[in-house]
Amino acid sequence: MFRLLIALAIALALTGGARADYMSALQALQAGDYDAAVAAFRPLAEAGNPAAQFNLGRMYERGDGVARDAGAARGWYEKAAAQDLVEAQMALGDLLGRGEGLPRDPVMAASWYRRAAAKGNAVAMNHLGIMASRGDGRPKSEAEALMWFIAAAGRGLAEAQFNLGVAYARAEGAPGDLVKAYGWFRLAADRGDEDALQAIQAIAPAMQPEEIDAAEAFARDWVAAP
């Protein structure tokens, strides 16, 4: 649904025949008529439409209506990402980070995630935190990982809130703090993260009742903050 809303928002930014052509391509894609979608997206993509370029890249990545081709997917994603389409920057980072169908390139993956993160994308921030914590394609840096997890967690991303809780529980990038760890685990758990709930159960026995109360209060205050 989120991707559909993005696609519709892009369509509304177009005018005249370009909007009609894009909507036709989008309708074919949603209906599963991939041959028609490819035929409709391709001329728009070749004309420089970043949304069409992204969608065509996605279809090449998945093999929808075309032979699966990671190289072609990368090419179309790069065209859209160069026009600052965040969805394409994320897709390109994911494709290069996985290395499925083409050589894995974590350095380039991180560079695209950074561009998306600069536009406020929390998932990109979390990916950068994970890469920094593992030393993936760069020297390991727990301090940088913590910075990215804080940024993404502050935007409400449950996975980043869990990762931030882990960092505080293990004293990675910051002094160990079970109250903060519990608090971030609680926020992630309240968003449906089952790993966070298990983490709460794991650290709670090592905490005093007043520490648990403080952690729960932290989580409540964070949610209530404007």
Protein backbone atom coordinates (compact mmCIF):
# COMPACT_ATOMS: atom_id res chain seq x y z
CA MET A 1 0.00 0.00 0.00
CA PHE A 2 2.80 2.44 0.88
CA ARG A 3 4.49 1.93 -2.50
CA LEU A 4 1.13 2.40 -4.24
CA LEU A 5 0.64 5.73 -2.46
CA ILE A 6 4.13 6.81 -3.54
CA ALA A 7 3.36 5.83 -7.12
CA LEU A 8 0.09 7.78 -7.08
CA ALA A 9 1.82 10.82 -5.61
CA ILE A 10 4.36 10.71 -8.42
CA ALA A 11 1.56 10.41 -10.97
CA LEU A 12 -0.13 13.52 -9.59
CA ALA A 13 3.08 15.47 -10.15
CA LEU A 14 2.96 14.64 -13.87
CA THR A 15 0.90 16.50 -16.41
CA GLY A 16 -1.17 15.74 -19.48
CA GLY A 17 -0.29 12.71 -21.55
CA ALA A 18 2.62 11.74 -19.32
CA ARG A 19 0.26 11.35 -16.35
CA ALA A 20 -2.20 9.29 -18.38
CA ASP A 21 0.57 7.03 -19.69
CA TYR A 22 2.04 6.53 -16.22
CA MET A 23 -1.36 5.76 -14.70
CA SER A 24 -1.98 3.25 -17.48
CA ALA A 25 1.34 1.55 -16.73
CA LEU A 26 0.65 1.59 -12.99
CA GLN A 27 -2.80 0.07 -13.46
CA ALA A 28 -1.34 -2.71 -15.60
CA LEU A 29 1.30 -3.39 -12.94
CA GLN A 30 -1.27 -3.53 -10.15
CA ALA A 31 -3.41 -5.88 -12.24
CA GLY A 32 -0.48 -8.22 -12.81
CA ASP A 33 -0.43 -7.56 -16.57
CA TYR A 34 3.34 -7.34 -16.62
CA ASP A 35 3.78 -7.38 -20.40
CA ALA A 36 1.53 -4.33 -20.71
CA ALA A 37 3.23 -2.63 -17.78
CA VAL A 38 6.69 -3.09 -19.30
CA ALA A 39 5.47 -1.79 -22.64
CA ALA A 40 3.97 1.29 -20.96
CA PHE A 41 6.82 2.01 -18.54
CA ARG A 42 9.66 1.62 -21.06
CA PRO A 43 9.02 4.72 -23.24
CA LEU A 44 8.45 6.81 -20.12
CA ALA A 45 11.68 5.49 -18.58
CA GLU A 46 13.63 6.14 -21.78
CA ALA A 47 12.24 9.69 -21.78
CA GLY A 48 13.72 10.20 -18.31
CA ASN A 49 10.76 9.67 -15.98
CA PRO A 50 12.34 8.55 -12.67
CA ALA A 51 9.24 6.72 -11.40
CA ALA A 52 9.00 4.72 -14.61
CA GLN A 53 12.74 4.02 -14.42
CA PHE A 54 12.33 2.73 -10.86
CA ASN A 55 9.38 0.53 -11.74
CA LEU A 56 11.12 -0.87 -14.80
CA GLY A 57 14.18 -1.60 -12.68
CA ARG A 58 12.01 -3.40 -10.14
CA MET A 59 10.47 -5.51 -12.89
CA TYR A 60 13.91 -6.50 -14.18
CA GLU A 61 15.01 -7.35 -10.64
CA ARG A 62 11.99 -9.58 -10.10
CA GLY A 63 11.63 -10.93 -13.62
CA ASP A 64 8.09 -9.55 -14.04
CA GLY A 65 7.28 -9.40 -17.75
CA VAL A 66 10.96 -9.53 -18.67
CA ALA A 67 13.84 -11.93 -18.17
CA ARG A 68 15.30 -11.42 -14.70
CA ASP A 69 18.39 -9.25 -15.13
CA ALA A 70 20.15 -7.68 -12.13
CA GLY A 71 22.41 -5.65 -14.41
CA ALA A 72 19.47 -4.07 -16.21
CA ALA A 73 17.74 -3.48 -12.86
CA ARG A 74 20.83 -1.69 -11.60
CA GLY A 75 20.98 0.47 -14.71
CA TRP A 76 17.39 1.66 -14.39
CA TYR A 77 17.69 2.16 -10.64
CA GLU A 78 20.81 4.27 -11.15
CA LYS A 79 19.00 6.54 -13.61
CA ALA A 80 16.15 7.09 -11.16
CA ALA A 81 18.42 7.38 -8.12
CA ALA A 82 20.52 10.02 -9.87
CA GLN A 83 17.32 12.08 -10.07
CA ASP A 84 16.97 11.79 -6.28
CA LEU A 85 14.13 9.28 -6.19
CA VAL A 86 14.60 7.89 -2.68
CA GLU A 87 12.85 4.61 -3.47
CA ALA A 88 15.37 3.97 -6.25
CA GLN A 89 18.29 4.88 -4.00
CA MET A 90 17.05 2.35 -1.45
CA ALA A 91 16.46 -0.33 -4.08
CA LEU A 92 19.93 0.23 -5.49
CA GLY A 93 21.51 0.02 -2.05
CA ASP A 94 19.64 -3.21 -1.37
CA LEU A 95 20.60 -4.72 -4.73
CA LEU A 96 24.28 -3.89 -4.33
CA GLY A 97 24.27 -4.92 -0.68
CA ARG A 98 22.89 -8.36 -1.47
CA GLY A 99 24.94 -8.95 -4.59
CA GLU A 100 22.36 -11.22 -6.20
CA GLY A 101 23.04 -11.55 -9.92
CA LEU A 102 25.94 -9.12 -9.84
CA PRO A 103 29.07 -8.57 -7.70
CA ARG A 104 28.31 -7.44 -4.16
CA ASP A 105 29.46 -3.85 -3.55
CA PRO A 106 28.87 -2.73 0.05
CA VAL A 107 30.79 0.52 -0.49
CA MET A 108 28.45 1.65 -3.26
CA ALA A 109 25.45 0.29 -1.35
CA ALA A 110 26.38 2.49 1.61
CA SER A 111 26.83 5.53 -0.63
CA TRP A 112 23.25 5.19 -1.92
CA TYR A 113 21.92 4.57 1.57
CA ARG A 114 23.63 7.77 2.70
CA ARG A 115 21.87 9.75 -0.03
CA ALA A 116 18.54 8.30 1.07
CA ALA A 117 19.38 8.91 4.73
CA ALA A 118 20.13 12.55 3.95
CA LYS A 119 16.49 12.85 2.90
CA GLY A 120 15.33 11.42 6.23
CA ASN A 121 14.83 7.78 5.25
CA ALA A 122 14.94 5.82 8.53
CA VAL A 123 15.43 2.42 6.89
CA ALA A 124 18.55 3.72 5.14
CA MET A 125 19.85 5.04 8.45
CA ASN A 126 19.31 1.67 10.09
CA HIS A 127 21.09 -0.12 7.24
CA LEU A 128 24.05 2.23 7.64
CA GLY A 129 24.10 1.50 11.36
CA ILE A 130 24.17 -2.24 10.74
CA MET A 131 26.95 -1.89 8.16
CA ALA A 132 29.02 0.27 10.53
CA SER A 133 28.50 -2.18 13.40
CA ARG A 134 29.71 -5.08 11.25
CA GLY A 135 32.50 -3.29 9.40
CA ASP A 136 30.77 -4.14 6.13
CA GLY A 137 32.76 -2.54 3.30
CA ARG A 138 34.47 -0.18 5.74
CA PRO A 139 36.23 -0.22 9.12
CA LYS A 140 33.96 -1.23 11.98
CA SER A 141 32.72 1.70 14.06
CA GLU A 142 30.38 1.16 16.98
CA ALA A 143 30.18 4.92 17.53
CA GLU A 144 28.97 5.54 13.98
CA ALA A 145 26.55 2.62 14.26
CA LEU A 146 25.10 4.15 17.42
CA MET A 147 24.68 7.51 15.67
CA TRP A 148 22.68 5.95 12.83
CA PHE A 149 20.58 3.80 15.16
CA ILE A 150 19.71 6.87 17.26
CA ALA A 151 18.69 8.78 14.13
CA ALA A 152 16.53 5.94 12.78
CA ALA A 153 15.04 5.03 16.17
CA GLY A 154 14.07 8.64 16.70
CA ARG A 155 11.98 8.41 13.53
CA GLY A 156 10.02 5.51 14.97
CA LEU A 157 11.58 2.58 13.11
CA ALA A 158 11.08 -0.49 15.32
CA GLU A 159 14.09 -2.38 13.96
CA ALA A 160 16.36 0.56 14.74
CA GLN A 161 14.86 0.92 18.21
CA PHE A 162 15.68 -2.73 18.83
CA ASN A 163 19.22 -2.26 17.48
CA LEU A 164 19.69 0.78 19.69
CA GLY A 165 18.54 -1.24 22.69
CA VAL A 166 21.10 -3.90 21.85
CA ALA A 167 23.84 -1.26 21.60
CA TYR A 168 23.03 0.07 25.09
CA ALA A 169 22.68 -3.42 26.55
CA ARG A 170 26.07 -4.50 25.18
CA ALA A 171 27.83 -1.14 25.68
CA GLU A 172 28.55 -0.86 21.96
CA GLY A 173 29.43 2.72 21.06
CA ALA A 174 28.23 4.04 24.41
CA PRO A 175 28.42 3.07 28.09
CA GLY A 176 26.16 0.18 29.00
CA ASP A 177 22.76 1.35 30.18
CA LEU A 178 20.05 -1.22 30.88
CA VAL A 179 17.44 1.45 31.52
CA LYS A 180 17.93 2.92 28.05
CA ALA A 181 18.19 -0.55 26.56
CA TYR A 182 14.90 -1.62 28.17
CA GLY A 183 13.22 1.64 27.13
CA TRP A 184 14.13 1.23 23.46
CA PHE A 185 13.23 -2.45 23.55
CA ARG A 186 9.84 -1.48 24.95
CA LEU A 187 9.23 1.00 22.14
CA ALA A 188 10.19 -1.60 19.54
CA ALA A 189 8.08 -4.29 21.22
CA ASP A 190 5.07 -1.99 21.25
CA ARG A 191 5.47 -1.77 17.46
CA GLY A 192 5.33 -5.52 17.16
CA ASP A 193 9.00 -6.46 17.28
CA GLU A 194 9.05 -9.91 18.91
CA ASP A 195 12.84 -9.92 19.31
CA ALA A 196 12.51 -6.78 21.42
CA LEU A 197 9.98 -8.45 23.68
CA GLN A 198 12.35 -11.37 24.20
CA ALA A 199 15.16 -8.92 24.95
CA ILE A 200 13.05 -7.29 27.66
CA GLN A 201 12.46 -10.68 29.23
CA ALA A 202 16.20 -11.37 29.07
CA ILE A 203 17.42 -8.18 30.78
CA ALA A 204 14.60 -7.54 33.24
CA PRO A 205 15.89 -10.05 35.84
CA ALA A 206 19.15 -8.08 36.02
CA MET A 207 17.35 -4.82 36.78
CA GLN A 208 15.94 -3.30 39.96
CA PRO A 209 12.19 -2.53 40.05
CA GLU A 210 12.89 1.20 40.07
CA GLU A 211 15.07 0.82 36.97
CA ILE A 212 12.26 -0.96 35.13
CA ASP A 213 9.85 1.77 36.21
CA ALA A 214 12.26 4.40 34.85
CA ALA A 215 12.60 2.53 31.54
CA GLU A 216 8.83 2.19 31.15
CA ALA A 217 8.44 5.91 31.93
CA PHE A 218 11.09 6.73 29.30
CA ALA A 219 9.10 4.79 26.68
CA ARG A 220 5.81 6.45 27.66
CA ASP A 221 7.37 9.91 27.58
CA TRP A 222 8.95 9.26 24.19
CA VAL A 223 5.58 8.30 22.70
CA ALA A 224 3.88 11.30 24.32
CA ALA A 225 6.51 13.79 23.13
CA PRO A 226 5.35 16.07 20.29
